[in-house]
Amino acid sequence: MSHFADRWIGRALRVRSRVVVGLDPEVERFPAQLRQRLKDEPTEERLEETLFEFNRAVIEASAGEAVGFKPQVAFYEQYGTAGHVALRRTIMLLRDMGLPILLDGKRNDVAHTARAYGIAWLGREHPVFGTPNPWRADALTINGYLGRDGVAPFQEVNREAGLFVLAKTSNPSSGELQDLALASGETVAERMALLAESWGEGTIGTHGFGNVGIVVGATYPAHAGRLRELAPHALFLMPGIGAQGGSLEAVTRAAGFNGVGAYAAASRGVMYPFKPGEISGPGWRGEVMTRVAAAAKALREAVNGALPG
């Protein structure tokens, strides 16, 4: 596992993409054929297989258009054991295909608990048996609210892994806390960006970016530009494109060095470019892949077209 930021940017340049595809399975959005299977055979095994099968279709359809993939842990946890197994299989599939894995877990706690989270999601080996960790991702979203001693354990577990610290999130009420001004004059989001920049010191790669990035909603273009000024060496993960109404202008403002610093994350807009009733029958996989591929390509081209040069 090489330096995260360099590997991530290297792939971005090879595939000419700044798109991250979210993998957020919601059974109620699946094609009718898959939902009917679950009604006919309502078992953990069938649910696990259905979740993984749909993910695999999305991954294979959009792999050529994406920098990496972002499974959101909550969408697997909601399905219990079946969801956990499907997530593990999805991570292993992505690794087998050589595709970067950015796990969206937003984890953090006091230091010893943060370390346990780090071992679970970023550790190379099982902590007891020493066998390869099937859950290992290349990067993880974290909450920096506990400060440095809640972040350092993630870095210590795997210094080559990437971290994306929440700074300015895409949701409408993010300003209730993140836009508040501190005594220093900075907002909470701005202070978090400065902290993330400091946490990434010593990890700067050949492309000029470090292994500690920040999450900045594409729904806030003005904030994106300001945070880029404060964190010039941080990769930006920018959710909100698509269903949340995020702006390509935000990605442009955050692009940074050589236009490789900001990445548009889209989940629903790429995974579900159809209504649940529109696709049915045994040919569901081909139809899903055709539509997903088209949606991913359209987003990639739109982002590329918005970037300077």
C-alpha atoms as a PDB file:
ATOM      1  CA  MET A   1       0.000   0.000   0.000  1.00  0.00           C
ATOM      2  CA  SER A   2       1.778   3.160  -1.216  1.00  0.00           C
ATOM      3  CA  HIS A   3       1.406   6.794  -0.175  1.00  0.00           C
ATOM      4  CA  PHE A   4      -2.322   7.426  -0.360  1.00  0.00           C
ATOM      5  CA  ALA A   5      -2.408  10.898  -1.887  1.00  0.00           C
ATOM      6  CA  ASP A   6       0.130  10.034  -4.581  1.00  0.00           C
ATOM      7  CA  ARG A   7      -1.666   6.845  -5.520  1.00  0.00           C
ATOM      8  CA  TRP A   8      -5.034   8.608  -5.539  1.00  0.00           C
ATOM      9  CA  ILE A   9      -3.826  11.494  -7.705  1.00  0.00           C
ATOM     10  CA  GLY A  10      -1.923   9.117  -9.971  1.00  0.00           C
ATOM     11  CA  ARG A  11      -5.129   7.276 -10.747  1.00  0.00           C
ATOM     12  CA  ALA A  12      -7.028  10.566 -11.191  1.00  0.00           C
ATOM     13  CA  LEU A  13      -4.556  11.602 -13.862  1.00  0.00           C
ATOM     14  CA  ARG A  14      -4.595   8.223 -15.598  1.00  0.00           C
ATOM     15  CA  VAL A  15      -8.371   7.989 -15.911  1.00  0.00           C
ATOM     16  CA  ARG A  16      -8.866  11.764 -16.278  1.00  0.00           C
ATOM     17  CA  SER A  17     -11.460  11.847 -13.545  1.00  0.00           C
ATOM     18  CA  ARG A  18     -12.205  13.755 -10.345  1.00  0.00           C
ATOM     19  CA  VAL A  19     -15.261  11.640  -9.488  1.00  0.00           C
ATOM     20  CA  VAL A  20     -15.766   9.415  -6.457  1.00  0.00           C
ATOM     21  CA  VAL A  21     -18.676   6.991  -6.736  1.00  0.00           C
ATOM     22  CA  GLY A  22     -20.564   6.349  -3.518  1.00  0.00           C
ATOM     23  CA  LEU A  23     -21.819   2.859  -2.780  1.00  0.00           C
ATOM     24  CA  ASP A  24     -24.925   3.364  -0.650  1.00  0.00           C
ATOM     25  CA  PRO A  25     -27.235   0.373  -1.119  1.00  0.00           C
ATOM     26  CA  GLU A  26     -30.934   0.964  -0.491  1.00  0.00           C
ATOM     27  CA  VAL A  27     -33.022  -2.084  -1.295  1.00  0.00           C
ATOM     28  CA  GLU A  28     -36.146  -0.045  -1.957  1.00  0.00           C
ATOM     29  CA  ARG A  29     -34.343   1.604  -4.885  1.00  0.00           C
ATOM     30  CA  PHE A  30     -33.208  -1.669  -6.463  1.00  0.00           C
ATOM     31  CA  PRO A  31     -34.714  -3.038  -9.691  1.00  0.00           C
ATOM     32  CA  ALA A  32     -37.963  -4.970  -9.307  1.00  0.00           C
ATOM     33  CA  GLN A  33     -36.298  -8.309 -10.052  1.00  0.00           C
ATOM     34  CA  LEU A  34     -34.003  -8.005  -7.040  1.00  0.00           C
ATOM     35  CA  ARG A  35     -36.726  -6.806  -4.700  1.00  0.00           C
ATOM     36  CA  GLN A  36     -38.941  -9.699  -5.756  1.00  0.00           C
ATOM     37  CA  ARG A  37     -36.177 -12.173  -4.990  1.00  0.00           C
ATOM     38  CA  LEU A  38     -36.045 -10.885  -1.437  1.00  0.00           C
ATOM     39  CA  LYS A  39     -39.808 -11.235  -1.081  1.00  0.00           C
ATOM     40  CA  ASP A  40     -39.635 -14.799  -2.377  1.00  0.00           C
ATOM     41  CA  GLU A  41     -36.632 -15.712  -0.224  1.00  0.00           C
ATOM     42  CA  PRO A  42     -36.389 -13.370   2.779  1.00  0.00           C
ATOM     43  CA  THR A  43     -33.128 -14.726   4.223  1.00  0.00           C
ATOM     44  CA  GLU A  44     -29.856 -13.186   5.368  1.00  0.00           C
ATOM     45  CA  GLU A  45     -28.009 -15.080   2.640  1.00  0.00           C
ATOM     46  CA  ARG A  46     -30.269 -13.775  -0.122  1.00  0.00           C
ATOM     47  CA  LEU A  47     -30.048 -10.211   1.215  1.00  0.00           C
ATOM     48  CA  GLU A  48     -26.240 -10.367   1.376  1.00  0.00           C
ATOM     49  CA  GLU A  49     -26.011 -11.701  -2.160  1.00  0.00           C
ATOM     50  CA  THR A  50     -28.470  -9.091  -3.468  1.00  0.00           C
ATOM     51  CA  LEU A  51     -26.591  -6.177  -1.903  1.00  0.00           C
ATOM     52  CA  PHE A  52     -23.275  -7.414  -3.238  1.00  0.00           C
ATOM     53  CA  GLU A  53     -24.638  -8.249  -6.679  1.00  0.00           C
ATOM     54  CA  PHE A  54     -26.050  -4.759  -7.140  1.00  0.00           C
ATOM     55  CA  ASN A  55     -22.823  -3.163  -5.891  1.00  0.00           C
ATOM     56  CA  ARG A  56     -20.799  -5.262  -8.303  1.00  0.00           C
ATOM     57  CA  ALA A  57     -22.905  -4.090 -11.247  1.00  0.00           C
ATOM     58  CA  VAL A  58     -22.407  -0.441 -10.227  1.00  0.00           C
ATOM     59  CA  ILE A  59     -18.655  -0.888  -9.714  1.00  0.00           C
ATOM     60  CA  GLU A  60     -18.066  -2.679 -13.000  1.00  0.00           C
ATOM     61  CA  ALA A  61     -20.152  -0.129 -14.892  1.00  0.00           C
ATOM     62  CA  SER A  62     -18.428   2.960 -13.469  1.00  0.00           C
ATOM     63  CA  ALA A  63     -14.867   1.767 -12.775  1.00  0.00           C
ATOM     64  CA  GLY A  64     -13.468   3.499 -15.846  1.00  0.00           C
ATOM     65  CA  GLU A  65     -15.037   6.826 -14.919  1.00  0.00           C
ATOM     66  CA  ALA A  66     -14.108   7.003 -11.232  1.00  0.00           C
ATOM     67  CA  VAL A  67     -11.013   7.798  -9.222  1.00  0.00           C
ATOM     68  CA  GLY A  68     -12.273   5.591  -6.418  1.00  0.00           C
ATOM     69  CA  PHE A  69     -15.302   4.245  -4.595  1.00  0.00           C
ATOM     70  CA  LYS A  70     -16.826   5.352  -1.301  1.00  0.00           C
ATOM     71  CA  PRO A  71     -18.902   2.779   0.568  1.00  0.00           C
ATOM     72  CA  GLN A  72     -20.911   4.502   3.324  1.00  0.00           C
ATOM     73  CA  VAL A  73     -20.869   2.148   6.307  1.00  0.00           C
ATOM     74  CA  ALA A  74     -24.319   3.125   7.575  1.00  0.00           C
ATOM     75  CA  PHE A  75     -26.020   1.769   4.475  1.00  0.00           C
ATOM     76  CA  TYR A  76     -24.580  -1.659   5.294  1.00  0.00           C
ATOM     77  CA  GLU A  77     -25.047  -1.532   9.054  1.00  0.00           C
ATOM     78  CA  GLN A  78     -28.778  -0.979   8.569  1.00  0.00           C
ATOM     79  CA  TYR A  79     -29.028  -4.505   7.125  1.00  0.00           C
ATOM     80  CA  GLY A  80     -27.267  -6.214  10.045  1.00  0.00           C
ATOM     81  CA  THR A  81     -25.107  -9.257   9.443  1.00  0.00           C
ATOM     82  CA  ALA A  82     -26.004  -9.454   5.754  1.00  0.00           C
ATOM     83  CA  GLY A  83     -24.948  -5.857   5.275  1.00  0.00           C
ATOM     84  CA  HIS A  84     -21.623  -6.361   7.041  1.00  0.00           C
ATOM     85  CA  VAL A  85     -20.789  -9.372   4.907  1.00  0.00           C
ATOM     86  CA  ALA A  86     -21.810  -7.519   1.738  1.00  0.00           C
ATOM     87  CA  LEU A  87     -19.554  -4.616   2.721  1.00  0.00           C
ATOM     88  CA  ARG A  88     -16.612  -6.931   3.308  1.00  0.00           C
ATOM     89  CA  ARG A  89     -17.170  -8.593  -0.066  1.00  0.00           C
ATOM     90  CA  THR A  90     -17.457  -5.180  -1.728  1.00  0.00           C
ATOM     91  CA  ILE A  91     -14.170  -4.011  -0.206  1.00  0.00           C
ATOM     92  CA  MET A  92     -12.448  -7.210  -1.310  1.00  0.00           C
ATOM     93  CA  LEU A  93     -13.847  -6.859  -4.851  1.00  0.00           C
ATOM     94  CA  LEU A  94     -12.604  -3.286  -5.111  1.00  0.00           C
ATOM     95  CA  ARG A  95      -9.173  -4.344  -3.891  1.00  0.00           C
ATOM     96  CA  ASP A  96      -9.047  -7.235  -6.350  1.00  0.00           C
ATOM     97  CA  MET A  97      -9.884  -4.793  -9.156  1.00  0.00           C
ATOM     98  CA  GLY A  98      -7.167  -2.387  -8.028  1.00  0.00           C
ATOM     99  CA  LEU A  99      -9.683   0.384  -7.294  1.00  0.00           C
ATOM    100  CA  PRO A 100      -9.074   2.854  -4.413  1.00  0.00           C
ATOM    101  CA  ILE A 101     -11.405   2.437  -1.441  1.00  0.00           C
ATOM    102  CA  LEU A 102     -12.468   5.470   0.575  1.00  0.00           C
ATOM    103  CA  LEU A 103     -14.614   4.226   3.429  1.00  0.00           C
ATOM    104  CA  ASP A 104     -17.170   6.733   4.683  1.00  0.00           C
ATOM    105  CA  GLY A 105     -17.487   5.960   8.379  1.00  0.00           C
ATOM    106  CA  LYS A 106     -16.913   9.360  10.051  1.00  0.00           C
ATOM    107  CA  ARG A 107     -15.296   7.573  12.976  1.00  0.00           C
ATOM    108  CA  ASN A 108     -13.645   9.057  16.053  1.00  0.00           C
ATOM    109  CA  ASP A 109     -13.504   8.895  19.829  1.00  0.00           C
ATOM    110  CA  VAL A 110     -10.932   9.156  22.601  1.00  0.00           C
ATOM    111  CA  ALA A 111      -7.475   7.906  21.670  1.00  0.00           C
ATOM    112  CA  HIS A 112      -7.701   4.219  22.574  1.00  0.00           C
ATOM    113  CA  THR A 113     -11.103   3.915  20.904  1.00  0.00           C
ATOM    114  CA  ALA A 114      -9.898   5.818  17.832  1.00  0.00           C
ATOM    115  CA  ARG A 115      -7.055   3.323  17.591  1.00  0.00           C
ATOM    116  CA  ALA A 116      -9.553   0.453  17.598  1.00  0.00           C
ATOM    117  CA  TYR A 117     -11.486   2.125  14.781  1.00  0.00           C
ATOM    118  CA  GLY A 118      -8.224   2.559  12.912  1.00  0.00           C
ATOM    119  CA  ILE A 119      -7.259  -1.089  13.340  1.00  0.00           C
ATOM    120  CA  ALA A 120     -10.698  -2.168  12.124  1.00  0.00           C
ATOM    121  CA  TRP A 121     -10.788  -0.108   8.941  1.00  0.00           C
ATOM    122  CA  LEU A 122      -7.185   0.780   8.087  1.00  0.00           C
ATOM    123  CA  GLY A 123      -5.062  -1.917   9.702  1.00  0.00           C
ATOM    124  CA  ARG A 124      -3.228  -4.250   7.372  1.00  0.00           C
ATOM    125  CA  GLU A 125      -3.612  -7.295   9.620  1.00  0.00           C
ATOM    126  CA  HIS A 126      -6.088  -8.830  12.042  1.00  0.00           C
ATOM    127  CA  PRO A 127      -5.034  -7.701  15.544  1.00  0.00           C
ATOM    128  CA  VAL A 128      -5.094 -11.245  16.972  1.00  0.00           C
ATOM    129  CA  PHE A 129      -4.437 -13.684  14.149  1.00  0.00           C
ATOM    130  CA  GLY A 130      -2.118 -11.594  11.977  1.00  0.00           C
ATOM    131  CA  THR A 131      -4.020 -12.548   8.844  1.00  0.00           C
ATOM    132  CA  PRO A 132      -4.732  -9.918   6.128  1.00  0.00           C
ATOM    133  CA  ASN A 133      -7.519  -7.569   7.136  1.00  0.00           C
ATOM    134  CA  PRO A 134     -10.445  -8.039   4.712  1.00  0.00           C
ATOM    135  CA  TRP A 135     -12.022  -4.760   5.899  1.00  0.00           C
ATOM    136  CA  ARG A 136      -8.995  -2.585   5.093  1.00  0.00           C
ATOM    137  CA  ALA A 137      -9.708   0.564   3.122  1.00  0.00           C
ATOM    138  CA  ASP A 138      -7.242   2.986   1.555  1.00  0.00           C
ATOM    139  CA  ALA A 139      -8.780   5.971   3.319  1.00  0.00           C
ATOM    140  CA  LEU A 140     -11.397   6.740   5.938  1.00  0.00           C
ATOM    141  CA  THR A 141     -13.567   9.748   6.755  1.00  0.00           C
ATOM    142  CA  ILE A 142     -13.186  10.836  10.368  1.00  0.00           C
ATOM    143  CA  ASN A 143     -14.527  13.459  12.762  1.00  0.00           C
ATOM    144  CA  GLY A 144     -11.793  15.731  14.100  1.00  0.00           C
ATOM    145  CA  TYR A 145     -13.864  17.187  16.940  1.00  0.00           C
ATOM    146  CA  LEU A 146     -11.745  15.470  19.609  1.00  0.00           C
ATOM    147  CA  GLY A 147      -8.576  17.126  18.361  1.00  0.00           C
ATOM    148  CA  ARG A 148      -5.097  15.776  17.677  1.00  0.00           C
ATOM    149  CA  ASP A 149      -5.155  12.875  20.135  1.00  0.00           C
ATOM    150  CA  GLY A 150      -8.284  11.552  18.459  1.00  0.00           C
ATOM    151  CA  VAL A 151      -6.651  11.708  15.007  1.00  0.00           C
ATOM    152  CA  ALA A 152      -3.094  10.551  15.676  1.00  0.00           C
ATOM    153  CA  PRO A 153      -4.119   6.932  16.447  1.00  0.00           C
ATOM    154  CA  PHE A 154      -5.525   6.538  12.919  1.00  0.00           C
ATOM    155  CA  GLN A 155      -2.220   7.726  11.500  1.00  0.00           C
ATOM    156  CA  GLU A 156      -0.206   5.452  13.779  1.00  0.00           C
ATOM    157  CA  VAL A 157      -2.140   2.362  12.702  1.00  0.00           C
ATOM    158  CA  ASN A 158      -1.262   2.933   9.044  1.00  0.00           C
ATOM    159  CA  ARG A 159       0.863   5.904   8.033  1.00  0.00           C
ATOM    160  CA  GLU A 160       0.247   5.249   4.326  1.00  0.00           C
ATOM    161  CA  ALA A 161      -3.537   5.466   4.651  1.00  0.00           C
ATOM    162  CA  GLY A 162      -5.617   8.528   3.886  1.00  0.00           C
ATOM    163  CA  LEU A 163      -7.869  10.433   6.279  1.00  0.00           C
ATOM    164  CA  PHE A 164     -10.608  12.903   5.366  1.00  0.00           C
ATOM    165  CA  VAL A 165     -11.589  15.139   8.279  1.00  0.00           C
ATOM    166  CA  LEU A 166     -15.056  16.699   8.363  1.00  0.00           C
ATOM    167  CA  ALA A 167     -14.726  20.468   7.906  1.00  0.00           C
ATOM    168  CA  LYS A 168     -17.734  21.980   6.118  1.00  0.00           C
ATOM    169  CA  THR A 169     -20.363  19.324   5.532  1.00  0.00           C
ATOM    170  CA  SER A 170     -22.946  19.457   2.742  1.00  0.00           C
ATOM    171  CA  ASN A 171     -26.120  19.359   4.857  1.00  0.00           C
ATOM    172  CA  PRO A 172     -28.297  22.507   5.165  1.00  0.00           C
ATOM    173  CA  SER A 173     -27.873  22.891   8.928  1.00  0.00           C
ATOM    174  CA  SER A 174     -24.092  22.534   8.930  1.00  0.00           C
ATOM    175  CA  GLY A 175     -23.769  26.248   9.631  1.00  0.00           C
ATOM    176  CA  GLU A 176     -25.366  25.898  13.064  1.00  0.00           C
ATOM    177  CA  LEU A 177     -21.927  24.997  14.369  1.00  0.00           C
ATOM    178  CA  GLN A 178     -19.451  25.013  11.485  1.00  0.00           C
ATOM    179  CA  ASP A 179     -20.042  28.673  10.536  1.00  0.00           C
ATOM    180  CA  LEU A 180     -19.760  30.046  14.077  1.00  0.00           C
ATOM    181  CA  ALA A 181     -16.914  32.490  14.599  1.00  0.00           C
ATOM    182  CA  LEU A 182     -14.291  31.708  17.214  1.00  0.00           C
ATOM    183  CA  ALA A 183     -12.514  34.270  19.351  1.00  0.00           C
ATOM    184  CA  SER A 184      -9.642  34.109  16.849  1.00  0.00           C
ATOM    185  CA  GLY A 185     -11.977  35.300  14.094  1.00  0.00           C
ATOM    186  CA  GLU A 186     -11.972  31.977  12.252  1.00  0.00           C
ATOM    187  CA  THR A 187     -15.080  29.908  11.849  1.00  0.00           C
ATOM    188  CA  VAL A 188     -15.190  26.397  13.291  1.00  0.00           C
ATOM    189  CA  ALA A 189     -14.888  24.957   9.765  1.00  0.00           C
ATOM    190  CA  GLU A 190     -11.889  27.159   9.011  1.00  0.00           C
ATOM    191  CA  ARG A 191     -10.173  26.115  12.225  1.00  0.00           C
ATOM    192  CA  MET A 192     -10.768  22.471  11.372  1.00  0.00           C
ATOM    193  CA  ALA A 193      -9.209  22.986   7.953  1.00  0.00           C
ATOM    194  CA  LEU A 194      -6.147  24.539   9.574  1.00  0.00           C
ATOM    195  CA  LEU A 195      -5.883  21.640  12.010  1.00  0.00           C
ATOM    196  CA  ALA A 196      -6.178  19.090   9.199  1.00  0.00           C
ATOM    197  CA  GLU A 197      -3.424  20.904   7.303  1.00  0.00           C
ATOM    198  CA  SER A 198      -1.204  20.643  10.388  1.00  0.00           C
ATOM    199  CA  TRP A 199      -2.056  16.983  10.932  1.00  0.00           C
ATOM    200  CA  GLY A 200      -0.934  16.262   7.401  1.00  0.00           C
ATOM    201  CA  GLU A 201       2.515  17.811   7.881  1.00  0.00           C
ATOM    202  CA  GLY A 202       5.210  15.291   7.108  1.00  0.00           C
ATOM    203  CA  THR A 203       2.967  13.305   4.747  1.00  0.00           C
ATOM    204  CA  ILE A 204       3.232  15.510   1.639  1.00  0.00           C
ATOM    205  CA  GLY A 205       3.757  13.426  -1.484  1.00  0.00           C
ATOM    206  CA  THR A 206       5.276  14.079  -4.869  1.00  0.00           C
ATOM    207  CA  HIS A 207       2.103  15.761  -6.167  1.00  0.00           C
ATOM    208  CA  GLY A 208       2.099  18.290  -3.329  1.00  0.00           C
ATOM    209  CA  PHE A 209      -0.723  16.817  -1.261  1.00  0.00           C
ATOM    210  CA  GLY A 210      -0.690  15.027   2.075  1.00  0.00           C
ATOM    211  CA  ASN A 211      -2.499  12.012   3.459  1.00  0.00           C
ATOM    212  CA  VAL A 212      -4.850  14.130   5.574  1.00  0.00           C
ATOM    213  CA  GLY A 213      -7.643  15.713   3.554  1.00  0.00           C
ATOM    214  CA  ILE A 214     -10.915  17.372   4.453  1.00  0.00           C
ATOM    215  CA  VAL A 215     -14.587  16.905   3.626  1.00  0.00           C
ATOM    216  CA  VAL A 216     -16.108  20.047   2.130  1.00  0.00           C
ATOM    217  CA  GLY A 217     -19.637  20.061   0.793  1.00  0.00           C
ATOM    218  CA  ALA A 218     -19.972  21.006  -2.865  1.00  0.00           C
ATOM    219  CA  THR A 219     -23.108  22.834  -1.734  1.00  0.00           C
ATOM    220  CA  TYR A 220     -20.934  25.705  -0.423  1.00  0.00           C
ATOM    221  CA  PRO A 221     -18.693  27.148  -3.190  1.00  0.00           C
ATOM    222  CA  ALA A 222     -17.591  30.226  -1.253  1.00  0.00           C
ATOM    223  CA  HIS A 223     -16.532  28.139   1.722  1.00  0.00           C
ATOM    224  CA  ALA A 224     -14.652  25.784  -0.579  1.00  0.00           C
ATOM    225  CA  GLY A 225     -12.463  28.563  -1.896  1.00  0.00           C
ATOM    226  CA  ARG A 226     -11.663  29.895   1.556  1.00  0.00           C
ATOM    227  CA  LEU A 227     -10.863  26.457   2.957  1.00  0.00           C
ATOM    228  CA  ARG A 228      -8.547  25.774   0.023  1.00  0.00           C
ATOM    229  CA  GLU A 229      -6.556  28.869   1.008  1.00  0.00           C
ATOM    230  CA  LEU A 230      -6.219  27.547   4.554  1.00  0.00           C
ATOM    231  CA  ALA A 231      -5.412  23.945   3.624  1.00  0.00           C
ATOM    232  CA  PRO A 232      -3.368  24.028   0.409  1.00  0.00           C
ATOM    233  CA  HIS A 233      -1.935  20.525   0.873  1.00  0.00           C
ATOM    234  CA  ALA A 234      -5.193  18.746   1.720  1.00  0.00           C
ATOM    235  CA  LEU A 235      -7.190  16.712  -0.753  1.00  0.00           C
ATOM    236  CA  PHE A 236     -10.854  17.764  -0.697  1.00  0.00           C
ATOM    237  CA  LEU A 237     -13.639  15.182  -0.726  1.00  0.00           C
ATOM    238  CA  MET A 238     -16.701  17.081  -1.909  1.00  0.00           C
ATOM    239  CA  PRO A 239     -20.075  15.381  -1.418  1.00  0.00           C
ATOM    240  CA  GLY A 240     -23.356  16.903  -2.459  1.00  0.00           C
ATOM    241  CA  ILE A 241     -23.086  16.796  -6.253  1.00  0.00           C
ATOM    242  CA  GLY A 242     -26.359  15.557  -7.694  1.00  0.00           C
ATOM    243  CA  ALA A 243     -29.201  14.833  -5.288  1.00  0.00           C
ATOM    244  CA  GLN A 244     -28.119  17.529  -2.807  1.00  0.00           C
ATOM    245  CA  GLY A 245     -27.714  20.199  -5.465  1.00  0.00           C
ATOM    246  CA  GLY A 246     -23.973  20.715  -5.121  1.00  0.00           C
ATOM    247  CA  SER A 247     -22.127  23.031  -7.464  1.00  0.00           C
ATOM    248  CA  LEU A 248     -19.316  22.291  -9.902  1.00  0.00           C
ATOM    249  CA  GLU A 249     -18.094  25.787  -9.061  1.00  0.00           C
ATOM    250  CA  ALA A 250     -17.223  24.506  -5.590  1.00  0.00           C
ATOM    251  CA  VAL A 251     -15.023  21.777  -7.065  1.00  0.00           C
ATOM    252  CA  THR A 252     -13.316  24.318  -9.309  1.00  0.00           C
ATOM    253  CA  ARG A 253     -12.591  26.667  -6.399  1.00  0.00           C
ATOM    254  CA  ALA A 254     -11.117  23.823  -4.391  1.00  0.00           C
ATOM    255  CA  ALA A 255      -9.097  22.220  -7.198  1.00  0.00           C
ATOM    256  CA  GLY A 256      -5.725  23.455  -5.907  1.00  0.00           C
ATOM    257  CA  PHE A 257      -2.376  22.528  -7.478  1.00  0.00           C
ATOM    258  CA  ASN A 258      -2.730  21.465 -11.114  1.00  0.00           C
ATOM    259  CA  GLY A 259      -6.458  20.877 -10.643  1.00  0.00           C
ATOM    260  CA  VAL A 260      -5.945  17.605  -8.763  1.00  0.00           C
ATOM    261  CA  GLY A 261      -6.920  18.641  -5.234  1.00  0.00           C
ATOM    262  CA  ALA A 262     -10.735  18.301  -5.236  1.00  0.00           C
ATOM    263  CA  TYR A 263     -12.976  15.304  -5.876  1.00  0.00           C
ATOM    264  CA  ALA A 264     -16.721  15.303  -6.438  1.00  0.00           C
ATOM    265  CA  ALA A 265     -18.506  12.518  -4.567  1.00  0.00           C
ATOM    266  CA  ALA A 266     -21.843  11.288  -5.899  1.00  0.00           C
ATOM    267  CA  SER A 267     -23.886   8.377  -4.628  1.00  0.00           C
ATOM    268  CA  ARG A 268     -27.562   8.443  -5.504  1.00  0.00           C
ATOM    269  CA  GLY A 269     -27.063  10.245  -8.806  1.00  0.00           C
ATOM    270  CA  VAL A 270     -24.740   7.524 -10.090  1.00  0.00           C
ATOM    271  CA  MET A 271     -26.114   4.433  -8.333  1.00  0.00           C
ATOM    272  CA  TYR A 272     -29.763   5.043  -9.126  1.00  0.00           C
ATOM    273  CA  PRO A 273     -30.200   6.835 -12.474  1.00  0.00           C
ATOM    274  CA  PHE A 274     -33.628   5.199 -12.733  1.00  0.00           C
ATOM    275  CA  LYS A 275     -36.849   4.844 -10.771  1.00  0.00           C
ATOM    276  CA  PRO A 276     -37.432   1.529  -8.964  1.00  0.00           C
ATOM    277  CA  GLY A 277     -40.247   0.503 -11.309  1.00  0.00           C
ATOM    278  CA  GLU A 278     -38.383   1.335 -14.518  1.00  0.00           C
ATOM    279  CA  ILE A 279     -36.141  -1.737 -14.586  1.00  0.00           C
ATOM    280  CA  SER A 280     -37.510  -5.249 -14.224  1.00  0.00           C
ATOM    281  CA  GLY A 281     -36.994  -8.748 -15.536  1.00  0.00           C
ATOM    282  CA  PRO A 282     -33.911 -10.949 -15.821  1.00  0.00           C
ATOM    283  CA  GLY A 283     -32.042  -8.369 -17.881  1.00  0.00           C
ATOM    284  CA  TRP A 284     -31.860  -5.919 -14.979  1.00  0.00           C
ATOM    285  CA  ARG A 285     -28.056  -6.090 -14.699  1.00  0.00           C
ATOM    286  CA  GLY A 286     -27.353  -4.960 -18.242  1.00  0.00           C
ATOM    287  CA  GLU A 287     -29.853  -2.121 -18.008  1.00  0.00           C
ATOM    288  CA  VAL A 288     -28.463  -0.946 -14.653  1.00  0.00           C
ATOM    289  CA  MET A 289     -24.900  -1.036 -15.957  1.00  0.00           C
ATOM    290  CA  THR A 290     -25.814   0.937 -19.076  1.00  0.00           C
ATOM    291  CA  ARG A 291     -27.503   3.674 -17.077  1.00  0.00           C
ATOM    292  CA  VAL A 292     -24.865   3.798 -14.322  1.00  0.00           C
ATOM    293  CA  ALA A 293     -22.061   4.004 -16.886  1.00  0.00           C
ATOM    294  CA  ALA A 294     -23.815   6.876 -18.636  1.00  0.00           C
ATOM    295  CA  ALA A 295     -24.427   8.757 -15.368  1.00  0.00           C
ATOM    296  CA  ALA A 296     -20.827   8.317 -14.207  1.00  0.00           C
ATOM    297  CA  LYS A 297     -19.447   9.398 -17.576  1.00  0.00           C
ATOM    298  CA  ALA A 298     -21.692  12.477 -17.664  1.00  0.00           C
ATOM    299  CA  LEU A 299     -20.526  13.530 -14.204  1.00  0.00           C
ATOM    300  CA  ARG A 300     -16.867  12.958 -15.053  1.00  0.00           C
ATOM    301  CA  GLU A 301     -17.164  15.049 -18.197  1.00  0.00           C
ATOM    302  CA  ALA A 302     -19.072  17.793 -16.382  1.00  0.00           C
ATOM    303  CA  VAL A 303     -16.443  18.055 -13.649  1.00  0.00           C
ATOM    304  CA  ASN A 304     -13.586  17.960 -16.150  1.00  0.00           C
ATOM    305  CA  GLY A 305     -15.289  20.631 -18.205  1.00  0.00           C
ATOM    306  CA  ALA A 306     -15.586  22.902 -15.169  1.00  0.00           C
ATOM    307  CA  LEU A 307     -11.907  22.667 -14.266  1.00  0.00           C
ATOM    308  CA  PRO A 308      -9.495  25.201 -15.740  1.00  0.00           C
ATOM    309  CA  GLY A 309      -7.294  23.970 -18.562  1.00  0.00           C
END
